[in-house]
Amino acid sequence: MLRFLPVSDGIAFWIRNNGCGSDARKETLANGAATRETYTGGKDGTEVVLITATRGGYEWPKAAGFQATDLMWEFFAGHPKTADPAR
């Protein structure tokens, strides 16, 4: 049986792993269709971002008032992977 951790456990892991502060900056997106929680202050400027759809069903969130794909691209474009010289 496949088991998944709660989202809160995953976010807590990444906050701890990246050394971010535990207080999030919270924003409402797309007229309430989603929320964004940003945890900053991590090692080497890292941050953890959680976006939660607050409207919609079990489909890819695009018709619920925001474009999930656009938000993902915004995150990855703003957080480019850098080479780790230790590897």
PDB file of N, CA and C in Angstrom:
ATOM      1  N   MET A   1       0.837  -1.170   0.000  1.00  0.00           N
ATOM      2  CA  MET A   1       0.000   0.000   0.000  1.00  0.00           C
ATOM      3  C   MET A   1       0.893   1.249   0.000  1.00  0.00           C
ATOM      4  N   LEU A   2       0.604   2.147  -0.889  1.00  0.00           N
ATOM      5  CA  LEU A   2       1.347   3.392  -1.005  1.00  0.00           C
ATOM      6  C   LEU A   2       0.813   4.393  -0.001  1.00  0.00           C
ATOM      7  N   ARG A   3       1.722   4.968   0.792  1.00  0.00           N
ATOM      8  CA  ARG A   3       1.313   5.955   1.799  1.00  0.00           C
ATOM      9  C   ARG A   3       2.028   7.268   1.522  1.00  0.00           C
ATOM     10  N   PHE A   4       1.328   8.352   1.732  1.00  0.00           N
ATOM     11  CA  PHE A   4       1.887   9.683   1.545  1.00  0.00           C
ATOM     12  C   PHE A   4       1.890  10.423   2.876  1.00  0.00           C
ATOM     13  N   LEU A   5       2.941  11.207   3.082  1.00  0.00           N
ATOM     14  CA  LEU A   5       2.985  12.065   4.264  1.00  0.00           C
ATOM     15  C   LEU A   5       2.045  13.244   4.074  1.00  0.00           C
ATOM     16  N   PRO A   6       1.539  13.798   5.151  1.00  0.00           N
ATOM     17  CA  PRO A   6       0.754  15.034   5.028  1.00  0.00           C
ATOM     18  C   PRO A   6       1.626  16.159   4.464  1.00  0.00           C
ATOM     19  N   VAL A   7       1.024  17.071   3.747  1.00  0.00           N
ATOM     20  CA  VAL A   7       1.751  18.208   3.178  1.00  0.00           C
ATOM     21  C   VAL A   7       2.502  18.952   4.270  1.00  0.00           C
ATOM     22  N   SER A   8       1.875  19.120   5.432  1.00  0.00           N
ATOM     23  CA  SER A   8       2.520  19.847   6.528  1.00  0.00           C
ATOM     24  C   SER A   8       3.840  19.193   6.940  1.00  0.00           C
ATOM     25  N   ASP A   9       3.919  17.859   6.896  1.00  0.00           N
ATOM     26  CA  ASP A   9       5.172  17.168   7.218  1.00  0.00           C
ATOM     27  C   ASP A   9       6.239  17.434   6.159  1.00  0.00           C
ATOM     28  N   GLY A  10       5.838  17.427   4.895  1.00  0.00           N
ATOM     29  CA  GLY A  10       6.787  17.713   3.816  1.00  0.00           C
ATOM     30  C   GLY A  10       7.317  19.135   3.888  1.00  0.00           C
ATOM     31  N   ILE A  11       6.441  20.081   4.135  1.00  0.00           N
ATOM     32  CA  ILE A  11       6.857  21.482   4.245  1.00  0.00           C
ATOM     33  C   ILE A  11       7.788  21.651   5.452  1.00  0.00           C
ATOM     34  N   ALA A  12       7.445  21.037   6.578  1.00  0.00           N
ATOM     35  CA  ALA A  12       8.290  21.124   7.772  1.00  0.00           C
ATOM     36  C   ALA A  12       9.682  20.560   7.492  1.00  0.00           C
ATOM     37  N   PHE A  13       9.757  19.445   6.752  1.00  0.00           N
ATOM     38  CA  PHE A  13      11.054  18.865   6.388  1.00  0.00           C
ATOM     39  C   PHE A  13      11.889  19.865   5.604  1.00  0.00           C
ATOM     40  N   TRP A  14      11.304  20.487   4.568  1.00  0.00           N
ATOM     41  CA  TRP A  14      12.072  21.399   3.718  1.00  0.00           C
ATOM     42  C   TRP A  14      12.442  22.684   4.445  1.00  0.00           C
ATOM     43  N   ILE A  15      11.576  23.166   5.325  1.00  0.00           N
ATOM     44  CA  ILE A  15      11.906  24.345   6.127  1.00  0.00           C
ATOM     45  C   ILE A  15      13.129  24.040   6.990  1.00  0.00           C
ATOM     46  N   ARG A  16      13.094  22.897   7.663  1.00  0.00           N
ATOM     47  CA  ARG A  16      14.210  22.475   8.512  1.00  0.00           C
ATOM     48  C   ARG A  16      15.476  22.231   7.682  1.00  0.00           C
ATOM     49  N   ASN A  17      15.353  21.481   6.593  1.00  0.00           N
ATOM     50  CA  ASN A  17      16.491  21.118   5.746  1.00  0.00           C
ATOM     51  C   ASN A  17      17.177  22.350   5.154  1.00  0.00           C
ATOM     52  N   ASN A  18      16.388  23.359   4.797  1.00  0.00           N
ATOM     53  CA  ASN A  18      16.947  24.567   4.184  1.00  0.00           C
ATOM     54  C   ASN A  18      17.293  25.642   5.204  1.00  0.00           C
ATOM     55  N   GLY A  19      16.947  25.424   6.463  1.00  0.00           N
ATOM     56  CA  GLY A  19      17.271  26.392   7.499  1.00  0.00           C
ATOM     57  C   GLY A  19      16.434  27.660   7.437  1.00  0.00           C
ATOM     58  N   CYS A  20      15.210  27.547   6.947  1.00  0.00           N
ATOM     59  CA  CYS A  20      14.327  28.715   6.829  1.00  0.00           C
ATOM     60  C   CYS A  20      13.691  29.048   8.179  1.00  0.00           C
ATOM     61  N   GLY A  21      13.214  30.278   8.303  1.00  0.00           N
ATOM     62  CA  GLY A  21      12.457  30.679   9.481  1.00  0.00           C
ATOM     63  C   GLY A  21      11.104  29.996   9.494  1.00  0.00           C
ATOM     64  N   SER A  22      10.514  29.865  10.661  1.00  0.00           N
ATOM     65  CA  SER A  22       9.243  29.139  10.769  1.00  0.00           C
ATOM     66  C   SER A  22       8.010  30.005  10.529  1.00  0.00           C
ATOM     67  N   ASP A  23       8.198  31.319  10.431  1.00  0.00           N
ATOM     68  CA  ASP A  23       7.065  32.208  10.157  1.00  0.00           C
ATOM     69  C   ASP A  23       6.965  32.469   8.663  1.00  0.00           C
ATOM     70  N   ALA A  24       5.797  32.218   8.111  1.00  0.00           N
ATOM     71  CA  ALA A  24       5.588  32.385   6.673  1.00  0.00           C
ATOM     72  C   ALA A  24       4.983  33.741   6.351  1.00  0.00           C
ATOM     73  N   ARG A  25       5.368  34.279   5.196  1.00  0.00           N
ATOM     74  CA  ARG A  25       4.665  35.437   4.621  1.00  0.00           C
ATOM     75  C   ARG A  25       3.485  34.832   3.866  1.00  0.00           C
ATOM     76  N   LYS A  26       2.274  35.249   4.203  1.00  0.00           N
ATOM     77  CA  LYS A  26       1.070  34.655   3.603  1.00  0.00           C
ATOM     78  C   LYS A  26       0.416  35.649   2.667  1.00  0.00           C
ATOM     79  N   GLU A  27       0.022  35.151   1.487  1.00  0.00           N
ATOM     80  CA  GLU A  27      -0.624  35.979   0.469  1.00  0.00           C
ATOM     81  C   GLU A  27      -1.848  35.256  -0.066  1.00  0.00           C
ATOM     82  N   THR A  28      -2.843  36.025  -0.448  1.00  0.00           N
ATOM     83  CA  THR A  28      -4.005  35.494  -1.150  1.00  0.00           C
ATOM     84  C   THR A  28      -3.799  35.769  -2.632  1.00  0.00           C
ATOM     85  N   LEU A  29      -4.015  34.759  -3.464  1.00  0.00           N
ATOM     86  CA  LEU A  29      -3.809  34.882  -4.907  1.00  0.00           C
ATOM     87  C   LEU A  29      -5.128  34.753  -5.650  1.00  0.00           C
ATOM     88  N   ALA A  30      -5.182  35.358  -6.810  1.00  0.00           N
ATOM     89  CA  ALA A  30      -6.293  35.184  -7.762  1.00  0.00           C
ATOM     90  C   ALA A  30      -7.655  35.323  -7.091  1.00  0.00           C
ATOM     91  N   ASN A  31      -7.833  36.447  -6.397  1.00  0.00           N
ATOM     92  CA  ASN A  31      -9.129  36.728  -5.757  1.00  0.00           C
ATOM     93  C   ASN A  31      -9.592  35.608  -4.839  1.00  0.00           C
ATOM     94  N   GLY A  32      -8.661  35.018  -4.108  1.00  0.00           N
ATOM     95  CA  GLY A  32      -9.016  33.984  -3.144  1.00  0.00           C
ATOM     96  C   GLY A  32      -9.005  32.575  -3.675  1.00  0.00           C
ATOM     97  N   ALA A  33      -8.605  32.361  -4.931  1.00  0.00           N
ATOM     98  CA  ALA A  33      -8.584  31.015  -5.502  1.00  0.00           C
ATOM     99  C   ALA A  33      -7.418  30.186  -4.981  1.00  0.00           C
ATOM    100  N   ALA A  34      -6.408  30.854  -4.403  1.00  0.00           N
ATOM    101  CA  ALA A  34      -5.241  30.148  -3.870  1.00  0.00           C
ATOM    102  C   ALA A  34      -4.577  31.007  -2.801  1.00  0.00           C
ATOM    103  N   THR A  35      -3.751  30.356  -1.990  1.00  0.00           N
ATOM    104  CA  THR A  35      -2.918  31.070  -1.018  1.00  0.00           C
ATOM    105  C   THR A  35      -1.469  30.659  -1.248  1.00  0.00           C
ATOM    106  N   ARG A  36      -0.550  31.561  -0.898  1.00  0.00           N
ATOM    107  CA  ARG A  36       0.877  31.260  -0.991  1.00  0.00           C
ATOM    108  C   ARG A  36       1.506  31.561   0.367  1.00  0.00           C
ATOM    109  N   GLU A  37       2.254  30.569   0.883  1.00  0.00           N
ATOM    110  CA  GLU A  37       3.017  30.739   2.119  1.00  0.00           C
ATOM    111  C   GLU A  37       4.485  30.642   1.749  1.00  0.00           C
ATOM    112  N   THR A  38       5.270  31.668   2.091  1.00  0.00           N
ATOM    113  CA  THR A  38       6.687  31.693   1.752  1.00  0.00           C
ATOM    114  C   THR A  38       7.506  31.751   3.031  1.00  0.00           C
ATOM    115  N   TYR A  39       8.391  30.773   3.187  1.00  0.00           N
ATOM    116  CA  TYR A  39       9.303  30.692   4.321  1.00  0.00           C
ATOM    117  C   TYR A  39      10.681  31.081   3.818  1.00  0.00           C
ATOM    118  N   THR A  40      11.262  32.133   4.387  1.00  0.00           N
ATOM    119  CA  THR A  40      12.522  32.677   3.883  1.00  0.00           C
ATOM    120  C   THR A  40      13.635  32.531   4.917  1.00  0.00           C
ATOM    121  N   GLY A  41      14.816  33.053   4.556  1.00  0.00           N
ATOM    122  CA  GLY A  41      15.943  33.075   5.476  1.00  0.00           C
ATOM    123  C   GLY A  41      16.748  31.800   5.495  1.00  0.00           C
ATOM    124  N   GLY A  42      16.574  30.964   4.474  1.00  0.00           N
ATOM    125  CA  GLY A  42      17.293  29.701   4.434  1.00  0.00           C
ATOM    126  C   GLY A  42      18.743  29.843   4.008  1.00  0.00           C
ATOM    127  N   LYS A  43      19.466  28.730   4.116  1.00  0.00           N
ATOM    128  CA  LYS A  43      20.874  28.674   3.709  1.00  0.00           C
ATOM    129  C   LYS A  43      21.020  29.122   2.257  1.00  0.00           C
ATOM    130  N   ASP A  44      22.015  29.952   2.006  1.00  0.00           N
ATOM    131  CA  ASP A  44      22.317  30.433   0.656  1.00  0.00           C
ATOM    132  C   ASP A  44      21.117  31.084  -0.024  1.00  0.00           C
ATOM    133  N   GLY A  45      20.236  31.697   0.770  1.00  0.00           N
ATOM    134  CA  GLY A  45      19.088  32.410   0.207  1.00  0.00           C
ATOM    135  C   GLY A  45      17.925  31.527  -0.188  1.00  0.00           C
ATOM    136  N   THR A  46      17.926  30.267   0.239  1.00  0.00           N
ATOM    137  CA  THR A  46      16.821  29.384  -0.126  1.00  0.00           C
ATOM    138  C   THR A  46      15.537  29.796   0.583  1.00  0.00           C
ATOM    139  N   GLU A  47      14.428  29.391   0.006  1.00  0.00           N
ATOM    140  CA  GLU A  47      13.121  29.597   0.610  1.00  0.00           C
ATOM    141  C   GLU A  47      12.231  28.431   0.243  1.00  0.00           C
ATOM    142  N   VAL A  48      11.191  28.246   1.017  1.00  0.00           N
ATOM    143  CA  VAL A  48      10.206  27.192   0.782  1.00  0.00           C
ATOM    144  C   VAL A  48       8.879  27.881   0.520  1.00  0.00           C
ATOM    145  N   VAL A  49       8.198  27.451  -0.551  1.00  0.00           N
ATOM    146  CA  VAL A  49       6.927  28.069  -0.935  1.00  0.00           C
ATOM    147  C   VAL A  49       5.855  26.989  -1.039  1.00  0.00           C
ATOM    148  N   LEU A  50       4.729  27.225  -0.397  1.00  0.00           N
ATOM    149  CA  LEU A  50       3.573  26.336  -0.488  1.00  0.00           C
ATOM    150  C   LEU A  50       2.420  27.121  -1.083  1.00  0.00           C
ATOM    151  N   ILE A  51       1.900  26.636  -2.210  1.00  0.00           N
ATOM    152  CA  ILE A  51       0.711  27.241  -2.809  1.00  0.00           C
ATOM    153  C   ILE A  51      -0.424  26.244  -2.670  1.00  0.00           C
ATOM    154  N   THR A  52      -1.533  26.712  -2.124  1.00  0.00           N
ATOM    155  CA  THR A  52      -2.688  25.857  -1.876  1.00  0.00           C
ATOM    156  C   THR A  52      -3.885  26.391  -2.645  1.00  0.00           C
ATOM    157  N   ALA A  53      -4.490  25.527  -3.474  1.00  0.00           N
ATOM    158  CA  ALA A  53      -5.729  25.894  -4.166  1.00  0.00           C
ATOM    159  C   ALA A  53      -6.848  25.879  -3.140  1.00  0.00           C
ATOM    160  N   THR A  54      -7.608  26.950  -3.075  1.00  0.00           N
ATOM    161  CA  THR A  54      -8.698  27.032  -2.110  1.00  0.00           C
ATOM    162  C   THR A  54     -10.058  26.837  -2.763  1.00  0.00           C
ATOM    163  N   ARG A  55     -10.068  26.790  -4.080  1.00  0.00           N
ATOM    164  CA  ARG A  55     -11.301  26.516  -4.831  1.00  0.00           C
ATOM    165  C   ARG A  55     -10.989  25.486  -5.903  1.00  0.00           C
ATOM    166  N   GLY A  56     -11.998  24.790  -6.332  1.00  0.00           N
ATOM    167  CA  GLY A  56     -11.814  23.818  -7.402  1.00  0.00           C
ATOM    168  C   GLY A  56     -11.960  22.405  -6.887  1.00  0.00           C
ATOM    169  N   GLY A  57     -11.811  21.478  -7.802  1.00  0.00           N
ATOM    170  CA  GLY A  57     -11.974  20.072  -7.454  1.00  0.00           C
ATOM    171  C   GLY A  57     -10.657  19.336  -7.580  1.00  0.00           C
ATOM    172  N   TYR A  58     -10.709  18.191  -8.230  1.00  0.00           N
ATOM    173  CA  TYR A  58      -9.537  17.341  -8.353  1.00  0.00           C
ATOM    174  C   TYR A  58      -8.900  17.415  -9.730  1.00  0.00           C
ATOM    175  N   GLU A  59      -9.111  18.509 -10.421  1.00  0.00           N
ATOM    176  CA  GLU A  59      -8.483  18.702 -11.720  1.00  0.00           C
ATOM    177  C   GLU A  59      -7.284  19.626 -11.572  1.00  0.00           C
ATOM    178  N   TRP A  60      -6.440  19.694 -12.625  1.00  0.00           N
ATOM    179  CA  TRP A  60      -5.296  20.592 -12.602  1.00  0.00           C
ATOM    180  C   TRP A  60      -5.811  22.011 -12.442  1.00  0.00           C
ATOM    181  N   PRO A  61      -5.322  22.743 -11.423  1.00  0.00           N
ATOM    182  CA  PRO A  61      -5.887  24.067 -11.141  1.00  0.00           C
ATOM    183  C   PRO A  61      -5.559  25.099 -12.219  1.00  0.00           C
ATOM    184  N   LYS A  62      -6.517  25.335 -13.068  1.00  0.00           N
ATOM    185  CA  LYS A  62      -6.382  26.398 -14.067  1.00  0.00           C
ATOM    186  C   LYS A  62      -7.701  27.132 -14.218  1.00  0.00           C
ATOM    187  N   ALA A  63      -8.782  26.419 -14.111  1.00  0.00           N
ATOM    188  CA  ALA A  63     -10.081  27.062 -14.252  1.00  0.00           C
ATOM    189  C   ALA A  63     -10.581  27.595 -12.912  1.00  0.00           C
ATOM    190  N   ALA A  64      -9.855  27.289 -11.843  1.00  0.00           N
ATOM    191  CA  ALA A  64     -10.299  27.689 -10.513  1.00  0.00           C
ATOM    192  C   ALA A  64      -9.934  29.140 -10.202  1.00  0.00           C
ATOM    193  N   GLY A  65      -9.433  29.871 -11.165  1.00  0.00           N
ATOM    194  CA  GLY A  65      -9.121  31.268 -10.942  1.00  0.00           C
ATOM    195  C   GLY A  65      -7.644  31.594 -11.023  1.00  0.00           C
ATOM    196  N   PHE A  66      -6.802  30.586 -11.183  1.00  0.00           N
ATOM    197  CA  PHE A  66      -5.374  30.829 -11.352  1.00  0.00           C
ATOM    198  C   PHE A  66      -4.781  29.703 -12.185  1.00  0.00           C
ATOM    199  N   GLN A  67      -3.626  29.929 -12.722  1.00  0.00           N
ATOM    200  CA  GLN A  67      -2.948  28.940 -13.552  1.00  0.00           C
ATOM    201  C   GLN A  67      -1.820  28.304 -12.745  1.00  0.00           C
ATOM    202  N   ALA A  68      -1.985  27.063 -12.335  1.00  0.00           N
ATOM    203  CA  ALA A  68      -0.960  26.379 -11.548  1.00  0.00           C
ATOM    204  C   ALA A  68       0.358  26.307 -12.316  1.00  0.00           C
ATOM    205  N   THR A  69       0.288  26.063 -13.608  1.00  0.00           N
ATOM    206  CA  THR A  69       1.500  25.968 -14.414  1.00  0.00           C
ATOM    207  C   THR A  69       2.275  27.276 -14.377  1.00  0.00           C
ATOM    208  N   ASP A  70       1.583  28.401 -14.474  1.00  0.00           N
ATOM    209  CA  ASP A  70       2.252  29.708 -14.432  1.00  0.00           C
ATOM    210  C   ASP A  70       2.916  29.947 -13.080  1.00  0.00           C
ATOM    211  N   LEU A  71       2.253  29.547 -11.995  1.00  0.00           N
ATOM    212  CA  LEU A  71       2.838  29.729 -10.663  1.00  0.00           C
ATOM    213  C   LEU A  71       4.067  28.843 -10.476  1.00  0.00           C
ATOM    214  N   MET A  72       4.020  27.628 -11.018  1.00  0.00           N
ATOM    215  CA  MET A  72       5.188  26.745 -10.938  1.00  0.00           C
ATOM    216  C   MET A  72       6.355  27.336 -11.715  1.00  0.00           C
ATOM    217  N   TRP A  73       6.084  27.821 -12.921  1.00  0.00           N
ATOM    218  CA  TRP A  73       7.149  28.415 -13.727  1.00  0.00           C
ATOM    219  C   TRP A  73       7.740  29.640 -13.019  1.00  0.00           C
ATOM    220  N   GLU A  74       6.886  30.471 -12.426  1.00  0.00           N
ATOM    221  CA  GLU A  74       7.353  31.643 -11.691  1.00  0.00           C
ATOM    222  C   GLU A  74       8.320  31.223 -10.580  1.00  0.00           C
ATOM    223  N   PHE A  75       7.972  30.149  -9.861  1.00  0.00           N
ATOM    224  CA  PHE A  75       8.839  29.664  -8.791  1.00  0.00           C
ATOM    225  C   PHE A  75      10.177  29.178  -9.346  1.00  0.00           C
ATOM    226  N   PHE A  76      10.156  28.286 -10.332  1.00  0.00           N
ATOM    227  CA  PHE A  76      11.402  27.722 -10.859  1.00  0.00           C
ATOM    228  C   PHE A  76      12.260  28.773 -11.561  1.00  0.00           C
ATOM    229  N   ALA A  77      11.647  29.725 -12.231  1.00  0.00           N
ATOM    230  CA  ALA A  77      12.415  30.791 -12.880  1.00  0.00           C
ATOM    231  C   ALA A  77      13.107  31.671 -11.833  1.00  0.00           C
ATOM    232  N   GLY A  78      12.480  31.856 -10.693  1.00  0.00           N
ATOM    233  CA  GLY A  78      13.056  32.669  -9.634  1.00  0.00           C
ATOM    234  C   GLY A  78      14.020  31.921  -8.729  1.00  0.00           C
ATOM    235  N   HIS A  79      14.103  30.603  -8.903  1.00  0.00           N
ATOM    236  CA  HIS A  79      14.965  29.767  -8.063  1.00  0.00           C
ATOM    237  C   HIS A  79      15.768  28.809  -8.944  1.00  0.00           C
ATOM    238  N   PRO A  80      16.656  29.341  -9.780  1.00  0.00           N
ATOM    239  CA  PRO A  80      17.411  28.449 -10.667  1.00  0.00           C
ATOM    240  C   PRO A  80      18.348  27.536  -9.876  1.00  0.00           C
ATOM    241  N   LYS A  81      18.494  26.320 -10.353  1.00  0.00           N
ATOM    242  CA  LYS A  81      19.415  25.362  -9.727  1.00  0.00           C
ATOM    243  C   LYS A  81      20.822  25.787 -10.046  1.00  0.00           C
ATOM    244  N   THR A  82      21.668  25.805  -9.040  1.00  0.00           N
ATOM    245  CA  THR A  82      23.061  26.144  -9.256  1.00  0.00           C
ATOM    246  C   THR A  82      23.898  24.897  -9.037  1.00  0.00           C
ATOM    247  N   ALA A  83      25.045  24.863  -9.688  1.00  0.00           N
ATOM    248  CA  ALA A  83      25.939  23.724  -9.541  1.00  0.00           C
ATOM    249  C   ALA A  83      26.503  23.690  -8.123  1.00  0.00           C
ATOM    250  N   ASP A  84      26.571  22.513  -7.567  1.00  0.00           N
ATOM    251  CA  ASP A  84      27.140  22.331  -6.229  1.00  0.00           C
ATOM    252  C   ASP A  84      28.594  21.927  -6.392  1.00  0.00           C
ATOM    253  N   PRO A  85      29.545  22.803  -6.062  1.00  0.00           N
ATOM    254  CA  PRO A  85      30.953  22.481  -6.267  1.00  0.00           C
ATOM    255  C   PRO A  85      31.440  21.337  -5.392  1.00  0.00           C
ATOM    256  N   ALA A  86      30.689  20.980  -4.345  1.00  0.00           N
ATOM    257  CA  ALA A  86      31.100  19.887  -3.466  1.00  0.00           C
ATOM    258  C   ALA A  86      30.819  18.522  -4.071  1.00  0.00           C
ATOM    259  N   ARG A  87      30.065  18.474  -5.138  1.00  0.00           N
ATOM    260  CA  ARG A  87      29.705  17.161  -5.729  1.00  0.00           C
ATOM    261  C   ARG A  87      30.630  16.790  -6.835  1.00  0.00           C
TER     262      ARG A  87
END
